[in-house]
């Protein structure tokens, strides 16, 4: 069980690093105000869904 939780923690850290990279990288175009407003909510939604999937896989599937 400890190794499962360690793998989960590593995957959460990696997902957090990817989320930080998506949010902090500047966009090259100037006129995409809608994309700029939607980038953070979409990235956070994908992060939450990914963490939920990892939790489900960790606790309900034997490996």
Protein backbone atom coordinates (compact mmCIF):
# COMPACT_ATOMS: atom_id res chain seq x y z
CA UNK A 1 0.00 0.00 0.00
CA UNK A 2 2.88 2.36 0.74
CA UNK A 3 4.34 1.92 -2.73
CA UNK A 4 0.93 2.64 -4.28
CA UNK A 5 0.66 5.86 -2.31
CA UNK A 6 4.23 6.80 -3.22
CA UNK A 7 3.46 6.32 -6.92
CA UNK A 8 0.30 8.38 -6.47
CA UNK A 9 2.27 11.17 -4.78
CA UNK A 10 4.84 11.19 -7.58
CA UNK A 11 2.10 11.38 -10.22
CA UNK A 12 0.41 14.24 -8.37
CA UNK A 13 3.70 16.16 -8.20
CA UNK A 14 4.29 15.60 -11.91
CA UNK A 15 0.74 16.74 -12.73
CA UNK A 16 1.24 19.82 -10.55
CA UNK A 17 4.47 20.65 -12.38
CA UNK A 18 2.72 20.33 -15.73
CA UNK A 19 -0.14 22.52 -14.47
CA UNK A 20 2.33 25.16 -13.29
CA UNK A 21 4.10 25.07 -16.67
CA UNK A 22 0.83 25.48 -18.58
CA UNK A 23 -0.27 28.40 -16.44
CA UNK A 24 3.06 30.24 -16.29
CA UNK A 25 4.23 29.98 -19.92
CA UNK A 26 3.34 33.18 -21.77
CA UNK A 27 1.34 32.94 -24.97
CA UNK A 28 2.98 34.28 -28.15
CA UNK A 29 -0.08 36.05 -29.59
CA UNK A 30 -1.58 39.30 -28.37
CA UNK A 31 -5.21 39.20 -29.47
CA UNK A 32 -6.29 35.97 -27.79
CA UNK A 33 -7.93 37.48 -24.71
CA UNK A 34 -10.55 34.72 -24.59
CA UNK A 35 -7.84 32.06 -24.62
CA UNK A 36 -5.97 33.85 -21.86
CA UNK A 37 -9.11 33.99 -19.70
CA UNK A 38 -9.94 30.32 -20.27
CA UNK A 39 -6.42 28.87 -19.97
CA UNK A 40 -6.30 28.66 -16.17
CA UNK A 41 -9.81 27.21 -15.60
CA UNK A 42 -9.30 24.59 -18.31
CA UNK A 43 -5.87 23.63 -16.96
CA UNK A 44 -7.20 23.34 -13.39
CA UNK A 45 -10.17 21.26 -14.57
CA UNK A 46 -7.87 18.84 -16.42
CA UNK A 47 -5.63 18.66 -13.34
CA UNK A 48 -8.55 17.80 -11.05
CA UNK A 49 -9.89 15.16 -13.44
CA UNK A 50 -6.43 13.60 -13.77
CA UNK A 51 -5.94 13.48 -9.98
CA UNK A 52 -9.38 11.87 -9.60
CA UNK A 53 -8.49 9.25 -12.18
CA UNK A 54 -5.22 8.50 -10.41
CA UNK A 55 -6.97 8.18 -7.05
CA UNK A 56 -9.54 5.82 -8.54
CA UNK A 57 -6.84 3.71 -10.19
CA UNK A 58 -4.76 3.63 -6.99
CA UNK A 59 -7.50 2.43 -4.69
CA UNK A 60 -9.67 0.24 -6.93
CA UNK A 61 -7.27 -1.57 -9.31
CA UNK A 62 -4.62 -4.01 -8.17
CA UNK A 63 -1.28 -3.80 -9.95
